Amino acid sequence: MTAGHGFHAGRGGMHGGGRPCCRRGSGSGAGAFVEPAALAALARQGGHGYDLRREIRELTGGELEVDAGGLYRVLRRLEEDGFVTSTWAEGDSGPQRREYELTAEGRELASDWVAHLKERQRVAARVADALSSALKETDTA
């Protein structure tokens, strides 16, 4: 994690240098994972939206099915923020498609997400342990 950043619930925030915080939109639902999943897929290989959806499904063993509209909104925002670039490319069959690629800043954001998700996992394990322990205590009382 970036120095001075502990785990916190909620949205927003900025990293040093004015970069948007990886916590933006990091609620508890599946949508919370669209941005980091898209970054993971882009880091492995660029591509158009349907390629990225397939890559996300494969990377997560089918655990995360990303809505096309949600994915494209995330990709547009990442591009507006300078984390992704896109170009129009001729489709093998059919219309042109946007091909997406990570920028150097996008790789830094992906790294921030790794730290954030590991911290989130650590905190979630602590909360689960505390809850389990509290339930055991009340069950024996």
N, C-alpha and C. Protein backbone atom coordinates (compact mmCIF):
# COMPACT_ATOMS: atom_id res chain seq x y z
N MET A 1 0.84 -1.18 0.00
CA MET A 1 0.00 0.00 0.00
C MET A 1 0.88 1.24 0.00
N THR A 2 0.35 2.27 -0.52
CA THR A 2 1.05 3.53 -0.49
C THR A 2 1.19 3.96 0.97
N ALA A 3 2.33 4.51 1.32
CA ALA A 3 2.57 4.92 2.71
C ALA A 3 1.42 5.77 3.22
N GLY A 4 1.01 5.50 4.45
CA GLY A 4 -0.05 6.27 5.07
C GLY A 4 -1.45 5.81 4.72
N HIS A 5 -1.57 4.79 3.88
CA HIS A 5 -2.88 4.29 3.51
C HIS A 5 -3.16 3.00 4.24
N GLY A 6 -4.02 3.05 5.25
CA GLY A 6 -4.51 1.84 5.87
C GLY A 6 -5.76 1.42 5.14
N PHE A 7 -6.29 0.27 5.49
CA PHE A 7 -7.54 -0.17 4.88
C PHE A 7 -8.65 0.74 5.37
N HIS A 8 -9.52 1.16 4.48
CA HIS A 8 -10.68 1.92 4.89
C HIS A 8 -11.83 1.62 3.95
N ALA A 9 -13.01 1.62 4.51
CA ALA A 9 -14.20 1.42 3.70
C ALA A 9 -14.53 2.74 3.02
N GLY A 10 -15.30 2.68 1.98
CA GLY A 10 -15.74 3.91 1.34
C GLY A 10 -15.08 4.10 -0.01
N ARG A 11 -15.31 5.28 -0.57
CA ARG A 11 -14.86 5.55 -1.93
C ARG A 11 -13.99 6.78 -1.96
N GLY A 12 -13.36 6.97 -3.11
CA GLY A 12 -12.63 8.20 -3.35
C GLY A 12 -11.21 8.15 -2.83
N GLY A 13 -10.58 9.31 -2.82
CA GLY A 13 -9.22 9.41 -2.34
C GLY A 13 -8.26 9.56 -3.49
N MET A 14 -7.06 10.00 -3.16
CA MET A 14 -6.04 10.18 -4.18
C MET A 14 -4.74 9.61 -3.66
N HIS A 15 -3.94 9.10 -4.57
CA HIS A 15 -2.59 8.67 -4.24
C HIS A 15 -1.66 9.86 -4.44
N GLY A 16 -0.44 9.72 -4.01
CA GLY A 16 0.54 10.77 -4.25
C GLY A 16 0.62 11.08 -5.73
N GLY A 17 0.87 12.31 -6.07
CA GLY A 17 0.96 12.69 -7.47
C GLY A 17 -0.39 12.93 -8.10
N GLY A 18 -1.47 12.87 -7.30
CA GLY A 18 -2.79 13.16 -7.83
C GLY A 18 -3.45 12.01 -8.56
N ARG A 19 -2.89 10.80 -8.49
CA ARG A 19 -3.53 9.66 -9.15
C ARG A 19 -4.77 9.25 -8.39
N PRO A 20 -5.84 8.89 -9.09
CA PRO A 20 -7.03 8.41 -8.40
C PRO A 20 -6.69 7.18 -7.57
N CYS A 21 -7.33 7.07 -6.43
CA CYS A 21 -7.08 5.96 -5.51
C CYS A 21 -7.72 4.70 -6.05
N CYS A 22 -7.05 3.57 -5.87
CA CYS A 22 -7.57 2.29 -6.33
C CYS A 22 -8.83 1.90 -5.59
N ARG A 23 -9.16 2.58 -4.52
CA ARG A 23 -10.33 2.23 -3.74
C ARG A 23 -11.62 2.77 -4.35
N ARG A 24 -11.52 3.62 -5.35
CA ARG A 24 -12.73 4.18 -5.95
C ARG A 24 -13.59 3.03 -6.44
N GLY A 25 -14.83 2.98 -5.97
CA GLY A 25 -15.74 1.95 -6.41
C GLY A 25 -15.44 0.59 -5.82
N SER A 26 -14.77 0.53 -4.68
CA SER A 26 -14.36 -0.76 -4.14
C SER A 26 -15.33 -1.26 -3.08
N GLY A 27 -16.59 -1.34 -3.44
CA GLY A 27 -17.60 -1.89 -2.53
C GLY A 27 -17.42 -3.39 -2.39
N SER A 28 -18.42 -4.07 -1.85
CA SER A 28 -18.26 -5.49 -1.57
C SER A 28 -18.84 -6.39 -2.65
N GLY A 29 -19.59 -5.86 -3.63
CA GLY A 29 -20.19 -6.69 -4.65
C GLY A 29 -19.19 -7.05 -5.75
N ALA A 30 -19.66 -7.87 -6.71
CA ALA A 30 -18.80 -8.29 -7.82
C ALA A 30 -18.29 -7.09 -8.61
N GLY A 31 -19.09 -6.01 -8.67
CA GLY A 31 -18.66 -4.81 -9.38
C GLY A 31 -17.41 -4.20 -8.80
N ALA A 32 -17.13 -4.50 -7.53
CA ALA A 32 -15.93 -3.98 -6.88
C ALA A 32 -14.67 -4.53 -7.52
N PHE A 33 -14.80 -5.63 -8.25
CA PHE A 33 -13.63 -6.27 -8.83
C PHE A 33 -13.47 -6.02 -10.33
N VAL A 34 -14.37 -5.26 -10.92
CA VAL A 34 -14.28 -5.03 -12.36
C VAL A 34 -12.99 -4.31 -12.73
N GLU A 35 -12.66 -3.22 -12.02
CA GLU A 35 -11.45 -2.48 -12.36
C GLU A 35 -10.19 -3.32 -12.19
N PRO A 36 -9.97 -3.94 -11.03
CA PRO A 36 -8.73 -4.73 -10.93
C PRO A 36 -8.72 -5.93 -11.87
N ALA A 37 -9.89 -6.52 -12.13
CA ALA A 37 -9.94 -7.65 -13.06
C ALA A 37 -9.60 -7.18 -14.48
N ALA A 38 -10.12 -6.01 -14.86
CA ALA A 38 -9.80 -5.46 -16.18
C ALA A 38 -8.31 -5.16 -16.29
N LEU A 39 -7.73 -4.60 -15.22
CA LEU A 39 -6.30 -4.33 -15.22
C LEU A 39 -5.49 -5.62 -15.34
N ALA A 40 -5.93 -6.68 -14.66
CA ALA A 40 -5.24 -7.97 -14.75
C ALA A 40 -5.28 -8.50 -16.18
N ALA A 41 -6.45 -8.43 -16.80
CA ALA A 41 -6.59 -8.92 -18.17
C ALA A 41 -5.74 -8.09 -19.13
N LEU A 42 -5.75 -6.77 -18.93
CA LEU A 42 -4.94 -5.89 -19.78
C LEU A 42 -3.45 -6.12 -19.59
N ALA A 43 -3.05 -6.41 -18.35
CA ALA A 43 -1.63 -6.65 -18.08
C ALA A 43 -1.15 -7.92 -18.79
N ARG A 44 -2.02 -8.90 -18.90
CA ARG A 44 -1.64 -10.15 -19.59
C ARG A 44 -1.59 -9.95 -21.09
N GLN A 45 -2.60 -9.26 -21.60
CA GLN A 45 -2.64 -8.98 -23.04
C GLN A 45 -3.69 -7.91 -23.29
N GLY A 46 -3.40 -7.01 -24.17
CA GLY A 46 -4.40 -6.02 -24.54
C GLY A 46 -5.48 -6.70 -25.35
N GLY A 47 -6.45 -5.96 -25.74
CA GLY A 47 -7.49 -6.54 -26.57
C GLY A 47 -8.75 -5.71 -26.55
N HIS A 48 -9.75 -6.19 -27.27
CA HIS A 48 -11.03 -5.49 -27.25
C HIS A 48 -11.88 -6.04 -26.11
N GLY A 49 -12.99 -5.39 -25.86
CA GLY A 49 -13.81 -5.69 -24.70
C GLY A 49 -14.19 -7.16 -24.55
N TYR A 50 -14.59 -7.80 -25.65
CA TYR A 50 -15.01 -9.20 -25.54
C TYR A 50 -13.82 -10.11 -25.22
N ASP A 51 -12.65 -9.78 -25.77
CA ASP A 51 -11.44 -10.53 -25.40
C ASP A 51 -11.17 -10.37 -23.90
N LEU A 52 -11.31 -9.14 -23.41
CA LEU A 52 -11.05 -8.87 -21.99
C LEU A 52 -12.06 -9.57 -21.09
N ARG A 53 -13.33 -9.59 -21.50
CA ARG A 53 -14.35 -10.32 -20.71
C ARG A 53 -13.98 -11.80 -20.61
N ARG A 54 -13.58 -12.39 -21.72
CA ARG A 54 -13.20 -13.80 -21.74
C ARG A 54 -11.96 -14.03 -20.86
N GLU A 55 -10.99 -13.13 -20.97
CA GLU A 55 -9.77 -13.25 -20.17
C GLU A 55 -10.08 -13.15 -18.67
N ILE A 56 -10.97 -12.23 -18.29
CA ILE A 56 -11.36 -12.09 -16.89
C ILE A 56 -12.02 -13.38 -16.39
N ARG A 57 -12.91 -13.93 -17.19
CA ARG A 57 -13.58 -15.18 -16.83
C ARG A 57 -12.56 -16.29 -16.62
N GLU A 58 -11.58 -16.37 -17.53
CA GLU A 58 -10.54 -17.40 -17.41
C GLU A 58 -9.63 -17.16 -16.21
N LEU A 59 -9.22 -15.91 -16.01
CA LEU A 59 -8.33 -15.57 -14.88
C LEU A 59 -8.96 -15.90 -13.53
N THR A 60 -10.28 -15.78 -13.45
CA THR A 60 -10.98 -16.00 -12.18
C THR A 60 -11.62 -17.37 -12.10
N GLY A 61 -11.29 -18.25 -13.01
CA GLY A 61 -11.87 -19.58 -12.99
C GLY A 61 -13.39 -19.55 -13.08
N GLY A 62 -13.92 -18.56 -13.77
CA GLY A 62 -15.36 -18.42 -13.93
C GLY A 62 -16.06 -17.78 -12.75
N GLU A 63 -15.31 -17.38 -11.74
CA GLU A 63 -15.90 -16.77 -10.54
C GLU A 63 -16.44 -15.37 -10.78
N LEU A 64 -15.88 -14.67 -11.76
CA LEU A 64 -16.30 -13.29 -12.04
C LEU A 64 -16.74 -13.20 -13.48
N GLU A 65 -18.02 -12.92 -13.66
CA GLU A 65 -18.60 -12.70 -14.98
C GLU A 65 -18.88 -11.20 -15.08
N VAL A 66 -18.17 -10.52 -15.96
CA VAL A 66 -18.25 -9.07 -16.05
C VAL A 66 -19.28 -8.67 -17.10
N ASP A 67 -20.17 -7.77 -16.70
CA ASP A 67 -21.15 -7.20 -17.61
C ASP A 67 -20.43 -6.33 -18.65
N ALA A 68 -20.77 -6.51 -19.92
CA ALA A 68 -20.10 -5.77 -20.99
C ALA A 68 -20.22 -4.26 -20.79
N GLY A 69 -21.41 -3.77 -20.46
CA GLY A 69 -21.60 -2.33 -20.26
C GLY A 69 -20.75 -1.80 -19.13
N GLY A 70 -20.71 -2.54 -18.02
CA GLY A 70 -19.88 -2.12 -16.89
C GLY A 70 -18.41 -2.12 -17.23
N LEU A 71 -17.98 -3.12 -17.98
CA LEU A 71 -16.57 -3.20 -18.37
C LEU A 71 -16.20 -2.02 -19.26
N TYR A 72 -17.04 -1.69 -20.23
CA TYR A 72 -16.74 -0.58 -21.12
C TYR A 72 -16.74 0.75 -20.37
N ARG A 73 -17.62 0.91 -19.38
CA ARG A 73 -17.59 2.14 -18.58
C ARG A 73 -16.27 2.26 -17.82
N VAL A 74 -15.81 1.14 -17.25
CA VAL A 74 -14.54 1.14 -16.52
C VAL A 74 -13.39 1.44 -17.48
N LEU A 75 -13.40 0.83 -18.65
CA LEU A 75 -12.33 1.07 -19.63
C LEU A 75 -12.31 2.53 -20.07
N ARG A 76 -13.48 3.13 -20.30
CA ARG A 76 -13.52 4.55 -20.69
C ARG A 76 -12.95 5.43 -19.58
N ARG A 77 -13.35 5.14 -18.34
CA ARG A 77 -12.85 5.94 -17.21
C ARG A 77 -11.35 5.77 -17.06
N LEU A 78 -10.86 4.55 -17.18
CA LEU A 78 -9.42 4.31 -17.08
C LEU A 78 -8.67 5.04 -18.19
N GLU A 79 -9.28 5.09 -19.36
CA GLU A 79 -8.64 5.81 -20.46
C GLU A 79 -8.65 7.32 -20.19
N GLU A 80 -9.77 7.85 -19.71
CA GLU A 80 -9.84 9.28 -19.39
C GLU A 80 -8.81 9.66 -18.33
N ASP A 81 -8.54 8.74 -17.40
CA ASP A 81 -7.59 9.00 -16.32
C ASP A 81 -6.14 8.70 -16.72
N GLY A 82 -5.92 8.22 -17.95
CA GLY A 82 -4.56 7.99 -18.45
C GLY A 82 -3.97 6.63 -18.11
N PHE A 83 -4.79 5.70 -17.63
CA PHE A 83 -4.29 4.37 -17.25
C PHE A 83 -4.35 3.37 -18.40
N VAL A 84 -5.14 3.70 -19.42
CA VAL A 84 -5.36 2.82 -20.57
C VAL A 84 -5.37 3.68 -21.82
N THR A 85 -4.89 3.13 -22.92
CA THR A 85 -5.05 3.77 -24.22
C THR A 85 -5.87 2.84 -25.10
N SER A 86 -6.49 3.41 -26.11
CA SER A 86 -7.23 2.58 -27.05
C SER A 86 -7.04 3.10 -28.46
N THR A 87 -7.15 2.19 -29.40
CA THR A 87 -7.09 2.53 -30.81
C THR A 87 -8.16 1.73 -31.53
N TRP A 88 -8.61 2.26 -32.66
CA TRP A 88 -9.57 1.52 -33.47
C TRP A 88 -8.82 0.52 -34.33
N ALA A 89 -9.33 -0.70 -34.38
CA ALA A 89 -8.72 -1.74 -35.21
C ALA A 89 -9.81 -2.42 -36.01
N GLU A 90 -9.47 -2.85 -37.21
CA GLU A 90 -10.42 -3.59 -38.04
C GLU A 90 -10.71 -4.92 -37.39
N GLY A 91 -11.98 -5.29 -37.31
CA GLY A 91 -12.35 -6.60 -36.79
C GLY A 91 -12.09 -7.67 -37.83
N ASP A 92 -11.84 -8.91 -37.39
CA ASP A 92 -11.64 -10.01 -38.34
C ASP A 92 -12.87 -10.18 -39.22
N SER A 93 -14.02 -10.05 -38.58
CA SER A 93 -15.27 -10.08 -39.33
C SER A 93 -16.19 -9.08 -38.65
N GLY A 94 -16.63 -8.10 -39.41
CA GLY A 94 -17.52 -7.12 -38.81
C GLY A 94 -16.86 -5.76 -38.66
N PRO A 95 -17.47 -4.94 -37.81
CA PRO A 95 -17.03 -3.55 -37.69
C PRO A 95 -15.71 -3.40 -36.93
N GLN A 96 -15.21 -2.17 -36.96
CA GLN A 96 -14.01 -1.85 -36.18
C GLN A 96 -14.29 -2.03 -34.70
N ARG A 97 -13.24 -2.32 -33.97
CA ARG A 97 -13.33 -2.49 -32.53
C ARG A 97 -12.23 -1.68 -31.87
N ARG A 98 -12.50 -1.26 -30.64
CA ARG A 98 -11.47 -0.58 -29.86
C ARG A 98 -10.57 -1.62 -29.23
N GLU A 99 -9.28 -1.45 -29.41
CA GLU A 99 -8.28 -2.31 -28.77
C GLU A 99 -7.68 -1.52 -27.61
N TYR A 100 -7.67 -2.12 -26.43
CA TYR A 100 -7.21 -1.44 -25.22
C TYR A 100 -5.84 -1.96 -24.80
N GLU A 101 -5.06 -1.06 -24.19
CA GLU A 101 -3.72 -1.40 -23.73
C GLU A 101 -3.40 -0.58 -22.48
N LEU A 102 -2.68 -1.19 -21.54
CA LEU A 102 -2.26 -0.48 -20.32
C LEU A 102 -1.15 0.51 -20.62
N THR A 103 -1.18 1.63 -19.93
CA THR A 103 -0.06 2.58 -19.97
C THR A 103 0.85 2.26 -18.77
N ALA A 104 1.97 2.96 -18.69
CA ALA A 104 2.86 2.80 -17.53
C ALA A 104 2.12 3.17 -16.25
N GLU A 105 1.30 4.22 -16.31
CA GLU A 105 0.50 4.62 -15.15
C GLU A 105 -0.51 3.54 -14.79
N GLY A 106 -1.03 2.86 -15.81
CA GLY A 106 -1.97 1.77 -15.58
C GLY A 106 -1.31 0.60 -14.86
N ARG A 107 -0.05 0.34 -15.18
CA ARG A 107 0.69 -0.73 -14.49
C ARG A 107 0.90 -0.34 -13.02
N GLU A 108 1.16 0.95 -12.77
CA GLU A 108 1.30 1.42 -11.38
C GLU A 108 -0.02 1.26 -10.63
N LEU A 109 -1.14 1.60 -11.29
CA LEU A 109 -2.45 1.45 -10.67
C LEU A 109 -2.72 -0.02 -10.37
N ALA A 110 -2.36 -0.90 -11.28
CA ALA A 110 -2.53 -2.34 -11.05
C ALA A 110 -1.73 -2.79 -9.83
N SER A 111 -0.53 -2.27 -9.70
CA SER A 111 0.29 -2.58 -8.53
C SER A 111 -0.36 -2.08 -7.25
N ASP A 112 -0.94 -0.88 -7.29
CA ASP A 112 -1.68 -0.35 -6.14
C ASP A 112 -2.84 -1.27 -5.78
N TRP A 113 -3.54 -1.77 -6.80
CA TRP A 113 -4.65 -2.69 -6.56
C TRP A 113 -4.18 -3.97 -5.89
N VAL A 114 -3.03 -4.49 -6.29
CA VAL A 114 -2.50 -5.70 -5.66
C VAL A 114 -2.35 -5.47 -4.16
N ALA A 115 -1.71 -4.37 -3.80
CA ALA A 115 -1.50 -4.06 -2.38
C ALA A 115 -2.84 -3.89 -1.66
N HIS A 116 -3.76 -3.18 -2.29
CA HIS A 116 -5.07 -2.94 -1.67
C HIS A 116 -5.83 -4.26 -1.47
N LEU A 117 -5.85 -5.11 -2.48
CA LEU A 117 -6.60 -6.36 -2.37
C LEU A 117 -5.98 -7.30 -1.34
N LYS A 118 -4.65 -7.31 -1.26
CA LYS A 118 -4.00 -8.14 -0.23
C LYS A 118 -4.33 -7.64 1.17
N GLU A 119 -4.35 -6.32 1.34
CA GLU A 119 -4.71 -5.74 2.63
C GLU A 119 -6.17 -6.03 2.94
N ARG A 120 -7.02 -5.91 1.96
CA ARG A 120 -8.44 -6.20 2.13
C ARG A 120 -8.65 -7.66 2.53
N GLN A 121 -7.90 -8.55 1.90
CA GLN A 121 -7.97 -9.98 2.23
C GLN A 121 -7.53 -10.21 3.67
N ARG A 122 -6.46 -9.55 4.08
CA ARG A 122 -5.95 -9.70 5.45
C ARG A 122 -6.98 -9.21 6.46
N VAL A 123 -7.57 -8.04 6.21
CA VAL A 123 -8.56 -7.49 7.12
C VAL A 123 -9.81 -8.37 7.14
N ALA A 124 -10.25 -8.84 5.99
CA ALA A 124 -11.43 -9.70 5.92
C ALA A 124 -11.21 -10.98 6.73
N ALA A 125 -10.01 -11.54 6.67
CA ALA A 125 -9.71 -12.75 7.45
C ALA A 125 -9.78 -12.45 8.94
N ARG A 126 -9.28 -11.29 9.36
CA ARG A 126 -9.36 -10.91 10.78
C ARG A 126 -10.80 -10.75 11.24
N VAL A 127 -11.59 -10.09 10.41
CA VAL A 127 -13.00 -9.89 10.77
C VAL A 127 -13.72 -11.23 10.81
N ALA A 128 -13.46 -12.09 9.86
CA ALA A 128 -14.09 -13.43 9.85
C ALA A 128 -13.70 -14.21 11.10
N ASP A 129 -12.42 -14.17 11.46
CA ASP A 129 -11.96 -14.86 12.67
C ASP A 129 -12.63 -14.30 13.92
N ALA A 130 -12.73 -12.97 14.01
CA ALA A 130 -13.35 -12.33 15.17
C ALA A 130 -14.83 -12.71 15.25
N LEU A 131 -15.50 -12.71 14.13
CA LEU A 131 -16.91 -13.07 14.10
C LEU A 131 -17.11 -14.52 14.48
N SER A 132 -16.30 -15.38 13.93
CA SER A 132 -16.37 -16.81 14.26
C SER A 132 -16.14 -17.03 15.75
N SER A 133 -15.12 -16.37 16.29
CA SER A 133 -14.80 -16.49 17.71
C SER A 133 -15.95 -15.99 18.57
N ALA A 134 -16.53 -14.84 18.21
CA ALA A 134 -17.63 -14.29 18.97
C ALA A 134 -18.85 -15.23 18.94
N LEU A 135 -19.11 -15.84 17.80
CA LEU A 135 -20.23 -16.77 17.71
C LEU A 135 -20.00 -18.02 18.57
N LYS A 136 -18.77 -18.51 18.57
CA LYS A 136 -18.44 -19.67 19.40
C LYS A 136 -18.63 -19.34 20.88
N GLU A 137 -18.22 -18.15 21.29
CA GLU A 137 -18.36 -17.72 22.68
C GLU A 137 -19.82 -17.65 23.09
N THR A 138 -20.66 -17.11 22.21
CA THR A 138 -22.08 -16.98 22.55
C THR A 138 -22.80 -18.32 22.46
N ASP A 139 -22.32 -19.25 21.63
CA ASP A 139 -22.94 -20.56 21.53
C ASP A 139 -22.67 -21.40 22.77
N THR A 140 -21.53 -21.18 23.42
CA THR A 140 -21.19 -21.98 24.62
C THR A 140 -21.69 -21.32 25.89
N ALA A 141 -22.16 -20.09 25.80
CA ALA A 141 -22.61 -19.38 27.01
C ALA A 141 -24.03 -19.77 27.37
